[in-house]
Amino acid sequence: MAHRAPHALRRALAATALCGALALAAGGCTAPGGDGADAPGGAQGVELPEPGVAFDYQIGGAYPPPDGVRAVSRDRTAKPAPGVYSICYVNAFQAQPDAEGWWQDHHPDLLLRDADGTLVVDEDWDEALLDISTAAKRERLAGIVGKWIDGCAEAGFQAVEADNLDSYERSDGLLTAADDMAFGKLLASRAHAAGLAIGQKNAAGLARQGRDLGFDFAVAEECGQYDECGAYADAYDDRVFVIEYRRDGLDAACEEWGDRLSVVLRDLDVVPAGESGYRRRTC
């Protein structure tokens, strides 16, 4: 099973720049209000996660949830964990390394390329960026990724986690924050149409704007490590799943947020229990 390793060192963006991007993508960056304001994203008919619920992050491989766990995130190729709130991981803005050939064969024009026609690649994880630079390409990509989201719903997941909302940061200036936000809005609409809640993955500076666009909760890597958990907590009414990879990050998250948010420490490769390198702790 292919899975995505965590973005351990990617930082949040400047709030001023992001508000400008949101103005282009969705017409503003005001706080949510009016009908549906009591629920993140204003989604109707989807099941939202419970704030502070015990959580496990299993995108590197599925295994029986530890005792007491009530929410689990797994890769879209895995089955949802029975009897818990199940989140479906989807790499929505970039191509998995083992899927690049499929994209080249079937949709080569939907991979981002520079002026020389060379693929623009996230060098940290060897992932080609998807080209969301135009409305037409975003619509086509939403159709492809949307089928994955529909598959999550058909498999029995309650929510989807859409990774790489911040792909423009690695695009060599070929994408903008507005492009990412516009595509995120399409994905949120598709998830809600399928009956799923959708989580914003990382990008603390986008938390308030992400809620306005339709995201329902957040999945935040290392927000304790980098003192960013508050941005997600404020935007998503504590519906935040925190994954830390260092003990000091876990200690920081637990000290300030352990009684409000869902916090777990995992090994960087998020390997299944029983495999070499597996690590999991909670507050």
C-alpha atoms as a PDB file:
ATOM      1  CA  MET A   1       0.000   0.000   0.000  1.00  0.00           C
ATOM      2  CA  ALA A   2       1.300   3.405  -0.923  1.00  0.00           C
ATOM      3  CA  HIS A   3       1.082   6.044   1.751  1.00  0.00           C
ATOM      4  CA  ARG A   4       2.289   9.539   2.381  1.00  0.00           C
ATOM      5  CA  ALA A   5       4.946  10.342   4.953  1.00  0.00           C
ATOM      6  CA  PRO A   6       4.228  13.359   7.171  1.00  0.00           C
ATOM      7  CA  HIS A   7       5.250  16.946   6.410  1.00  0.00           C
ATOM      8  CA  ALA A   8       7.437  17.262   9.487  1.00  0.00           C
ATOM      9  CA  LEU A   9       8.934  20.706   8.856  1.00  0.00           C
ATOM     10  CA  ARG A  10       6.485  22.602   6.649  1.00  0.00           C
ATOM     11  CA  ARG A  11       5.370  25.748   8.299  1.00  0.00           C
ATOM     12  CA  ALA A  12       2.242  27.848   8.288  1.00  0.00           C
ATOM     13  CA  LEU A  13       1.837  30.822   5.948  1.00  0.00           C
ATOM     14  CA  ALA A  14       1.450  34.534   6.653  1.00  0.00           C
ATOM     15  CA  ALA A  15      -2.176  35.352   7.479  1.00  0.00           C
ATOM     16  CA  THR A  16      -2.222  38.529   5.425  1.00  0.00           C
ATOM     17  CA  ALA A  17      -1.149  36.775   2.240  1.00  0.00           C
ATOM     18  CA  LEU A  18      -3.631  34.004   2.822  1.00  0.00           C
ATOM     19  CA  CYS A  19      -6.531  36.405   3.220  1.00  0.00           C
ATOM     20  CA  GLY A  20      -5.600  37.873  -0.131  1.00  0.00           C
ATOM     21  CA  ALA A  21      -5.541  34.397  -1.653  1.00  0.00           C
ATOM     22  CA  LEU A  22      -8.917  33.574  -0.162  1.00  0.00           C
ATOM     23  CA  ALA A  23     -10.391  36.755  -1.568  1.00  0.00           C
ATOM     24  CA  LEU A  24      -9.496  35.457  -4.999  1.00  0.00           C
ATOM     25  CA  ALA A  25     -10.566  31.884  -4.352  1.00  0.00           C
ATOM     26  CA  ALA A  26     -13.767  32.339  -2.409  1.00  0.00           C
ATOM     27  CA  GLY A  27     -14.641  35.987  -2.128  1.00  0.00           C
ATOM     28  CA  GLY A  28     -13.342  36.883   1.331  1.00  0.00           C
ATOM     29  CA  CYS A  29     -11.832  35.815   4.611  1.00  0.00           C
ATOM     30  CA  THR A  30     -14.410  36.779   7.202  1.00  0.00           C
ATOM     31  CA  ALA A  31     -15.406  34.550  10.056  1.00  0.00           C
ATOM     32  CA  PRO A  32     -18.239  32.152   9.361  1.00  0.00           C
ATOM     33  CA  GLY A  33     -21.711  33.169  10.348  1.00  0.00           C
ATOM     34  CA  GLY A  34     -25.376  32.728   9.562  1.00  0.00           C
ATOM     35  CA  ASP A  35     -26.951  29.339   8.986  1.00  0.00           C
ATOM     36  CA  GLY A  36     -24.699  26.425   9.851  1.00  0.00           C
ATOM     37  CA  ALA A  37     -22.266  28.577  11.853  1.00  0.00           C
ATOM     38  CA  ASP A  38     -22.468  26.236  14.840  1.00  0.00           C
ATOM     39  CA  ALA A  39     -20.827  23.455  12.821  1.00  0.00           C
ATOM     40  CA  PRO A  40     -17.420  23.856  11.119  1.00  0.00           C
ATOM     41  CA  GLY A  41     -17.858  24.402   7.402  1.00  0.00           C
ATOM     42  CA  GLY A  42     -21.624  24.704   7.789  1.00  0.00           C
ATOM     43  CA  ALA A  43     -21.995  21.167   6.366  1.00  0.00           C
ATOM     44  CA  GLN A  44     -25.395  19.596   6.611  1.00  0.00           C
ATOM     45  CA  GLY A  45     -26.010  15.870   6.864  1.00  0.00           C
ATOM     46  CA  VAL A  46     -22.435  14.790   7.627  1.00  0.00           C
ATOM     47  CA  GLU A  47     -21.143  13.239  10.830  1.00  0.00           C
ATOM     48  CA  LEU A  48     -18.588  15.451  12.546  1.00  0.00           C
ATOM     49  CA  PRO A  49     -15.867  14.062  14.827  1.00  0.00           C
ATOM     50  CA  GLU A  50     -16.203  14.508  18.555  1.00  0.00           C
ATOM     51  CA  PRO A  51     -13.714  17.019  19.987  1.00  0.00           C
ATOM     52  CA  GLY A  52     -10.976  15.441  22.080  1.00  0.00           C
ATOM     53  CA  VAL A  53     -11.810  11.848  21.163  1.00  0.00           C
ATOM     54  CA  ALA A  54      -8.983   9.294  21.542  1.00  0.00           C
ATOM     55  CA  PHE A  55      -7.290   8.974  18.142  1.00  0.00           C
ATOM     56  CA  ASP A  56      -4.835   6.834  16.173  1.00  0.00           C
ATOM     57  CA  TYR A  57      -3.043   7.670  12.928  1.00  0.00           C
ATOM     58  CA  GLN A  58      -2.657   4.595  10.720  1.00  0.00           C
ATOM     59  CA  ILE A  59      -1.952   5.934   7.213  1.00  0.00           C
ATOM     60  CA  GLY A  60       1.175   3.776   6.960  1.00  0.00           C
ATOM     61  CA  GLY A  61      -0.723   0.536   7.480  1.00  0.00           C
ATOM     62  CA  ALA A  62      -3.837  -0.675   9.270  1.00  0.00           C
ATOM     63  CA  TYR A  63      -3.889  -2.584  12.553  1.00  0.00           C
ATOM     64  CA  PRO A  64      -6.466  -3.075  15.329  1.00  0.00           C
ATOM     65  CA  PRO A  65      -7.018   0.238  17.118  1.00  0.00           C
ATOM     66  CA  PRO A  66      -5.571   0.393  20.637  1.00  0.00           C
ATOM     67  CA  ASP A  67      -7.995   0.129  23.532  1.00  0.00           C
ATOM     68  CA  GLY A  68     -10.068   3.247  24.027  1.00  0.00           C
ATOM     69  CA  VAL A  69      -9.425   4.705  20.564  1.00  0.00           C
ATOM     70  CA  ARG A  70     -12.573   6.111  18.984  1.00  0.00           C
ATOM     71  CA  ALA A  71     -11.242   7.725  15.807  1.00  0.00           C
ATOM     72  CA  VAL A  72      -8.748   6.369  13.254  1.00  0.00           C
ATOM     73  CA  SER A  73      -7.293   7.737  10.019  1.00  0.00           C
ATOM     74  CA  ARG A  74      -6.290   5.185   7.361  1.00  0.00           C
ATOM     75  CA  ASP A  75      -5.185   5.312   3.733  1.00  0.00           C
ATOM     76  CA  ARG A  76      -7.977   5.229   1.155  1.00  0.00           C
ATOM     77  CA  THR A  77      -6.780   1.798  -0.006  1.00  0.00           C
ATOM     78  CA  ALA A  78      -7.431   0.326   3.456  1.00  0.00           C
ATOM     79  CA  LYS A  79     -10.723  -0.663   5.017  1.00  0.00           C
ATOM     80  CA  PRO A  80     -12.119   1.622   7.727  1.00  0.00           C
ATOM     81  CA  ALA A  81     -11.600   0.541  11.308  1.00  0.00           C
ATOM     82  CA  PRO A  82     -14.833  -1.009  12.602  1.00  0.00           C
ATOM     83  CA  GLY A  83     -16.737   0.636  15.413  1.00  0.00           C
ATOM     84  CA  VAL A  84     -14.860   3.954  15.400  1.00  0.00           C
ATOM     85  CA  TYR A  85     -15.020   7.296  13.586  1.00  0.00           C
ATOM     86  CA  SER A  86     -13.047   6.497  10.428  1.00  0.00           C
ATOM     87  CA  ILE A  87     -11.139   9.081   8.390  1.00  0.00           C
ATOM     88  CA  CYS A  88      -9.961   8.298   4.851  1.00  0.00           C
ATOM     89  CA  TYR A  89      -6.544   9.666   3.855  1.00  0.00           C
ATOM     90  CA  VAL A  90      -6.336  11.001   0.270  1.00  0.00           C
ATOM     91  CA  ASN A  91      -3.274  12.651  -1.274  1.00  0.00           C
ATOM     92  CA  ALA A  92      -5.407  15.168  -3.122  1.00  0.00           C
ATOM     93  CA  PHE A  93      -2.971  17.772  -4.450  1.00  0.00           C
ATOM     94  CA  GLN A  94       0.065  15.658  -5.400  1.00  0.00           C
ATOM     95  CA  ALA A  95       0.725  12.291  -7.037  1.00  0.00           C
ATOM     96  CA  GLN A  96       1.863   9.339  -4.959  1.00  0.00           C
ATOM     97  CA  PRO A  97       5.312   8.214  -6.190  1.00  0.00           C
ATOM     98  CA  ASP A  98       4.016   4.819  -7.303  1.00  0.00           C
ATOM     99  CA  ALA A  99       1.103   6.477  -9.154  1.00  0.00           C
ATOM    100  CA  GLU A 100       3.130   8.897 -11.281  1.00  0.00           C
ATOM    101  CA  GLY A 101       3.202   6.424 -14.171  1.00  0.00           C
ATOM    102  CA  TRP A 102      -0.590   6.222 -14.124  1.00  0.00           C
ATOM    103  CA  TRP A 103      -0.865   9.989 -14.310  1.00  0.00           C
ATOM    104  CA  GLN A 104       1.687  10.105 -17.138  1.00  0.00           C
ATOM    105  CA  ASP A 105      -0.229   7.462 -19.085  1.00  0.00           C
ATOM    106  CA  HIS A 106      -3.753   8.754 -18.550  1.00  0.00           C
ATOM    107  CA  HIS A 107      -3.596  12.463 -17.639  1.00  0.00           C
ATOM    108  CA  PRO A 108      -0.126  13.829 -18.450  1.00  0.00           C
ATOM    109  CA  ASP A 109      -1.456  17.378 -18.822  1.00  0.00           C
ATOM    110  CA  LEU A 110      -2.739  17.343 -15.245  1.00  0.00           C
ATOM    111  CA  LEU A 111       0.774  17.092 -13.821  1.00  0.00           C
ATOM    112  CA  LEU A 112       2.397  20.463 -13.166  1.00  0.00           C
ATOM    113  CA  ARG A 113       5.332  21.232 -15.470  1.00  0.00           C
ATOM    114  CA  ASP A 114       7.767  24.103 -15.792  1.00  0.00           C
ATOM    115  CA  ALA A 115       8.453  26.080 -18.960  1.00  0.00           C
ATOM    116  CA  ASP A 116      10.728  23.297 -20.224  1.00  0.00           C
ATOM    117  CA  GLY A 117       8.063  20.656 -19.726  1.00  0.00           C
ATOM    118  CA  THR A 118       9.821  19.127 -16.702  1.00  0.00           C
ATOM    119  CA  LEU A 119       7.627  17.836 -13.906  1.00  0.00           C
ATOM    120  CA  VAL A 120       7.502  19.992 -10.776  1.00  0.00           C
ATOM    121  CA  VAL A 121       8.187  17.604  -7.915  1.00  0.00           C
ATOM    122  CA  ASP A 122       7.954  17.832  -4.137  1.00  0.00           C
ATOM    123  CA  GLU A 123      11.567  16.805  -3.564  1.00  0.00           C
ATOM    124  CA  ASP A 124      11.019  15.862   0.082  1.00  0.00           C
ATOM    125  CA  TRP A 125       8.661  13.025  -0.831  1.00  0.00           C
ATOM    126  CA  ASP A 126       9.276  12.540  -4.575  1.00  0.00           C
ATOM    127  CA  GLU A 127       5.712  13.499  -5.477  1.00  0.00           C
ATOM    128  CA  ALA A 128       4.790  15.285  -8.686  1.00  0.00           C
ATOM    129  CA  LEU A 129       2.424  18.202  -8.103  1.00  0.00           C
ATOM    130  CA  LEU A 130      -0.990  18.162  -9.725  1.00  0.00           C
ATOM    131  CA  ASP A 131      -1.685  21.117 -12.001  1.00  0.00           C
ATOM    132  CA  ILE A 132      -4.534  23.055 -10.409  1.00  0.00           C
ATOM    133  CA  SER A 133      -3.571  26.336 -12.093  1.00  0.00           C
ATOM    134  CA  THR A 134      -6.784  26.785 -14.090  1.00  0.00           C
ATOM    135  CA  ALA A 135     -10.462  26.348 -13.344  1.00  0.00           C
ATOM    136  CA  ALA A 136     -10.769  23.783 -16.150  1.00  0.00           C
ATOM    137  CA  LYS A 137      -7.961  21.626 -14.778  1.00  0.00           C
ATOM    138  CA  ARG A 138      -9.310  21.905 -11.238  1.00  0.00           C
ATOM    139  CA  GLU A 139     -12.673  20.642 -12.451  1.00  0.00           C
ATOM    140  CA  ARG A 140     -11.077  17.670 -14.203  1.00  0.00           C
ATOM    141  CA  LEU A 141      -8.920  16.834 -11.192  1.00  0.00           C
ATOM    142  CA  ALA A 142     -11.915  17.168  -8.889  1.00  0.00           C
ATOM    143  CA  GLY A 143     -13.594  14.501 -11.003  1.00  0.00           C
ATOM    144  CA  ILE A 144     -10.649  12.132 -10.508  1.00  0.00           C
ATOM    145  CA  VAL A 145     -10.011  12.817  -6.825  1.00  0.00           C
ATOM    146  CA  GLY A 146     -13.763  12.966  -6.321  1.00  0.00           C
ATOM    147  CA  LYS A 147     -14.026   9.315  -7.332  1.00  0.00           C
ATOM    148  CA  TRP A 148     -11.532   8.465  -4.601  1.00  0.00           C
ATOM    149  CA  ILE A 149     -13.648  10.428  -2.142  1.00  0.00           C
ATOM    150  CA  ASP A 150     -16.758   8.590  -3.312  1.00  0.00           C
ATOM    151  CA  GLY A 151     -14.841   5.342  -2.779  1.00  0.00           C
ATOM    152  CA  CYS A 152     -14.118   6.375   0.803  1.00  0.00           C
ATOM    153  CA  ALA A 153     -17.843   6.859   1.371  1.00  0.00           C
ATOM    154  CA  GLU A 154     -18.712   3.541  -0.266  1.00  0.00           C
ATOM    155  CA  ALA A 155     -16.135   1.760   1.911  1.00  0.00           C
ATOM    156  CA  GLY A 156     -17.822   3.069   5.051  1.00  0.00           C
ATOM    157  CA  PHE A 157     -15.592   5.955   6.162  1.00  0.00           C
ATOM    158  CA  GLN A 158     -17.227   8.938   7.861  1.00  0.00           C
ATOM    159  CA  ALA A 159     -14.698  11.550   6.746  1.00  0.00           C
ATOM    160  CA  VAL A 160     -11.850  12.308   4.375  1.00  0.00           C
ATOM    161  CA  GLU A 161      -8.459  13.916   5.032  1.00  0.00           C
ATOM    162  CA  ALA A 162      -7.226  15.786   1.921  1.00  0.00           C
ATOM    163  CA  ASP A 163      -3.446  16.161   2.050  1.00  0.00           C
ATOM    164  CA  ASN A 164      -1.218  18.865   0.534  1.00  0.00           C
ATOM    165  CA  LEU A 165      -3.466  21.913   0.682  1.00  0.00           C
ATOM    166  CA  ASP A 166      -0.182  23.863   0.662  1.00  0.00           C
ATOM    167  CA  SER A 167       1.160  22.440  -2.629  1.00  0.00           C
ATOM    168  CA  TYR A 168       1.662  25.915  -4.092  1.00  0.00           C
ATOM    169  CA  GLU A 169       4.564  26.414  -1.666  1.00  0.00           C
ATOM    170  CA  ARG A 170       6.481  23.758  -3.621  1.00  0.00           C
ATOM    171  CA  SER A 171       5.366  24.824  -7.110  1.00  0.00           C
ATOM    172  CA  ASP A 172       8.255  27.165  -8.011  1.00  0.00           C
ATOM    173  CA  GLY A 173       5.728  29.974  -8.313  1.00  0.00           C
ATOM    174  CA  LEU A 174       3.545  28.178 -10.851  1.00  0.00           C
ATOM    175  CA  LEU A 175       0.622  27.803  -8.425  1.00  0.00           C
ATOM    176  CA  THR A 176      -0.895  30.250  -5.963  1.00  0.00           C
ATOM    177  CA  ALA A 177      -2.594  29.905  -2.616  1.00  0.00           C
ATOM    178  CA  ALA A 178      -5.795  30.866  -4.408  1.00  0.00           C
ATOM    179  CA  ASP A 179      -5.408  27.840  -6.697  1.00  0.00           C
ATOM    180  CA  ASP A 180      -5.104  25.509  -3.711  1.00  0.00           C
ATOM    181  CA  MET A 181      -8.032  27.101  -1.952  1.00  0.00           C
ATOM    182  CA  ALA A 182     -10.240  26.947  -5.041  1.00  0.00           C
ATOM    183  CA  PHE A 183      -9.460  23.254  -5.482  1.00  0.00           C
ATOM    184  CA  GLY A 184     -10.025  22.649  -1.780  1.00  0.00           C
ATOM    185  CA  LYS A 185     -13.475  24.161  -2.094  1.00  0.00           C
ATOM    186  CA  LEU A 186     -14.333  21.721  -4.900  1.00  0.00           C
ATOM    187  CA  LEU A 187     -13.146  18.803  -2.792  1.00  0.00           C
ATOM    188  CA  ALA A 188     -15.160  19.948   0.218  1.00  0.00           C
ATOM    189  CA  SER A 189     -18.295  20.131  -1.903  1.00  0.00           C
ATOM    190  CA  ARG A 190     -17.645  16.653  -3.315  1.00  0.00           C
ATOM    191  CA  ALA A 191     -17.064  15.181   0.139  1.00  0.00           C
ATOM    192  CA  HIS A 192     -20.253  16.689   1.504  1.00  0.00           C
ATOM    193  CA  ALA A 193     -22.199  15.446  -1.504  1.00  0.00           C
ATOM    194  CA  ALA A 194     -20.923  11.955  -0.688  1.00  0.00           C
ATOM    195  CA  GLY A 195     -22.043  12.332   2.917  1.00  0.00           C
ATOM    196  CA  LEU A 196     -18.531  12.746   4.310  1.00  0.00           C
ATOM    197  CA  ALA A 197     -16.996  15.364   6.553  1.00  0.00           C
ATOM    198  CA  ILE A 198     -13.671  16.694   5.271  1.00  0.00           C
ATOM    199  CA  GLY A 199     -10.568  17.658   7.210  1.00  0.00           C
ATOM    200  CA  GLN A 200      -8.045  20.373   6.442  1.00  0.00           C
ATOM    201  CA  LYS A 201      -4.527  18.905   6.568  1.00  0.00           C
ATOM    202  CA  ASN A 202      -1.911  21.263   8.046  1.00  0.00           C
ATOM    203  CA  ALA A 203      -1.416  24.934   6.979  1.00  0.00           C
ATOM    204  CA  ALA A 204      -2.338  26.597  10.279  1.00  0.00           C
ATOM    205  CA  GLY A 205      -2.500  30.005   8.613  1.00  0.00           C
ATOM    206  CA  LEU A 206      -5.364  28.713   6.481  1.00  0.00           C
ATOM    207  CA  ALA A 207      -7.461  27.366   9.332  1.00  0.00           C
ATOM    208  CA  ARG A 208     -10.078  30.124   9.531  1.00  0.00           C
ATOM    209  CA  GLN A 209     -10.248  30.429   5.759  1.00  0.00           C
ATOM    210  CA  GLY A 210     -10.450  26.678   5.388  1.00  0.00           C
ATOM    211  CA  ARG A 211     -13.495  26.583   7.618  1.00  0.00           C
ATOM    212  CA  ASP A 212     -15.111  29.273   5.494  1.00  0.00           C
ATOM    213  CA  LEU A 213     -14.452  27.198   2.366  1.00  0.00           C
ATOM    214  CA  GLY A 214     -16.205  24.162   3.798  1.00  0.00           C
ATOM    215  CA  PHE A 215     -13.696  22.106   5.767  1.00  0.00           C
ATOM    216  CA  ASP A 216     -15.192  20.557   8.896  1.00  0.00           C
ATOM    217  CA  PHE A 217     -12.207  19.701  11.094  1.00  0.00           C
ATOM    218  CA  ALA A 218      -8.402  19.725  10.997  1.00  0.00           C
ATOM    219  CA  VAL A 219      -5.618  17.159  10.940  1.00  0.00           C
ATOM    220  CA  ALA A 220      -2.505  18.929  12.213  1.00  0.00           C
ATOM    221  CA  GLU A 221       0.992  17.509  12.196  1.00  0.00           C
ATOM    222  CA  GLU A 222       3.335  18.908  14.848  1.00  0.00           C
ATOM    223  CA  CYS A 223       1.194  21.844  15.911  1.00  0.00           C
ATOM    224  CA  GLY A 224       2.426  21.287  19.462  1.00  0.00           C
ATOM    225  CA  GLN A 225       6.020  21.322  18.282  1.00  0.00           C
ATOM    226  CA  TYR A 226       5.531  24.651  16.513  1.00  0.00           C
ATOM    227  CA  ASP A 227       2.889  26.267  18.744  1.00  0.00           C
ATOM    228  CA  GLU A 228       0.155  26.254  16.103  1.00  0.00           C
ATOM    229  CA  CYS A 229      -2.606  24.196  17.696  1.00  0.00           C
ATOM    230  CA  GLY A 230      -4.554  27.247  18.795  1.00  0.00           C
ATOM    231  CA  ALA A 231      -5.210  28.380  15.232  1.00  0.00           C
ATOM    232  CA  TYR A 232      -6.860  25.057  14.414  1.00  0.00           C
ATOM    233  CA  ALA A 233      -8.708  24.844  17.732  1.00  0.00           C
ATOM    234  CA  ASP A 234     -10.199  28.307  17.325  1.00  0.00           C
ATOM    235  CA  ALA A 235     -11.278  27.716  13.731  1.00  0.00           C
ATOM    236  CA  TYR A 236     -12.693  24.219  14.195  1.00  0.00           C
ATOM    237  CA  ASP A 237     -14.188  24.342  17.698  1.00  0.00           C
ATOM    238  CA  ASP A 238     -11.577  21.864  19.008  1.00  0.00           C
ATOM    239  CA  ARG A 239     -12.325  19.292  16.289  1.00  0.00           C
ATOM    240  CA  VAL A 240      -8.605  18.813  15.707  1.00  0.00           C
ATOM    241  CA  PHE A 241      -6.541  15.635  15.350  1.00  0.00           C
ATOM    242  CA  VAL A 242      -2.949  16.347  16.364  1.00  0.00           C
ATOM    243  CA  ILE A 243      -0.056  14.099  15.310  1.00  0.00           C
ATOM    244  CA  GLU A 244       3.331  14.714  16.898  1.00  0.00           C
ATOM    245  CA  TYR A 245       6.560  12.930  15.942  1.00  0.00           C
ATOM    246  CA  ARG A 246       8.874  14.126  18.733  1.00  0.00           C
ATOM    247  CA  ARG A 247       8.471  13.718  22.461  1.00  0.00           C
ATOM    248  CA  ASP A 248       8.907  17.423  23.187  1.00  0.00           C
ATOM    249  CA  GLY A 249       6.170  18.176  20.671  1.00  0.00           C
ATOM    250  CA  LEU A 250       3.874  15.691  22.381  1.00  0.00           C
ATOM    251  CA  ASP A 251       4.660  17.204  25.775  1.00  0.00           C
ATOM    252  CA  ALA A 252       3.865  20.700  24.490  1.00  0.00           C
ATOM    253  CA  ALA A 253       0.608  19.613  22.850  1.00  0.00           C
ATOM    254  CA  CYS A 254      -0.514  17.675  25.910  1.00  0.00           C
ATOM    255  CA  GLU A 255       0.325  20.427  28.365  1.00  0.00           C
ATOM    256  CA  GLU A 256      -1.765  23.055  26.618  1.00  0.00           C
ATOM    257  CA  TRP A 257      -4.285  21.058  24.580  1.00  0.00           C
ATOM    258  CA  GLY A 258      -4.457  17.531  25.943  1.00  0.00           C
ATOM    259  CA  ASP A 259      -7.812  18.099  27.619  1.00  0.00           C
ATOM    260  CA  ARG A 260      -9.393  19.588  24.474  1.00  0.00           C
ATOM    261  CA  LEU A 261      -7.872  18.140  21.299  1.00  0.00           C
ATOM    262  CA  SER A 262      -7.164  14.604  20.047  1.00  0.00           C
ATOM    263  CA  VAL A 263      -3.399  14.199  20.454  1.00  0.00           C
ATOM    264  CA  VAL A 264      -1.176  11.252  19.517  1.00  0.00           C
ATOM    265  CA  LEU A 265       2.563  10.653  19.072  1.00  0.00           C
ATOM    266  CA  ARG A 266       3.503   8.432  16.126  1.00  0.00           C
ATOM    267  CA  ASP A 267       6.713   7.306  14.475  1.00  0.00           C
ATOM    268  CA  LEU A 268       7.587   9.338  11.389  1.00  0.00           C
ATOM    269  CA  ASP A 269       6.807   6.455   9.007  1.00  0.00           C
ATOM    270  CA  VAL A 270       3.540   5.645  10.834  1.00  0.00           C
ATOM    271  CA  VAL A 271       4.232   1.905  10.502  1.00  0.00           C
ATOM    272  CA  PRO A 272       1.702  -0.634  11.801  1.00  0.00           C
ATOM    273  CA  ALA A 273       1.882  -1.980  15.345  1.00  0.00           C
ATOM    274  CA  GLY A 274       4.228  -4.946  15.547  1.00  0.00           C
ATOM    275  CA  GLU A 275       6.625  -3.655  12.892  1.00  0.00           C
ATOM    276  CA  SER A 276      10.106  -2.336  13.602  1.00  0.00           C
ATOM    277  CA  GLY A 277      10.064   1.358  14.442  1.00  0.00           C
ATOM    278  CA  TYR A 278       6.451   1.478  15.594  1.00  0.00           C
ATOM    279  CA  ARG A 279       5.861   4.110  18.260  1.00  0.00           C
ATOM    280  CA  ARG A 280       2.660   5.471  19.729  1.00  0.00           C
ATOM    281  CA  ARG A 281       1.969   7.501  22.851  1.00  0.00           C
ATOM    282  CA  THR A 282      -0.824   9.757  24.028  1.00  0.00           C
ATOM    283  CA  CYS A 283      -1.260  12.388  26.708  1.00  0.00           C
END
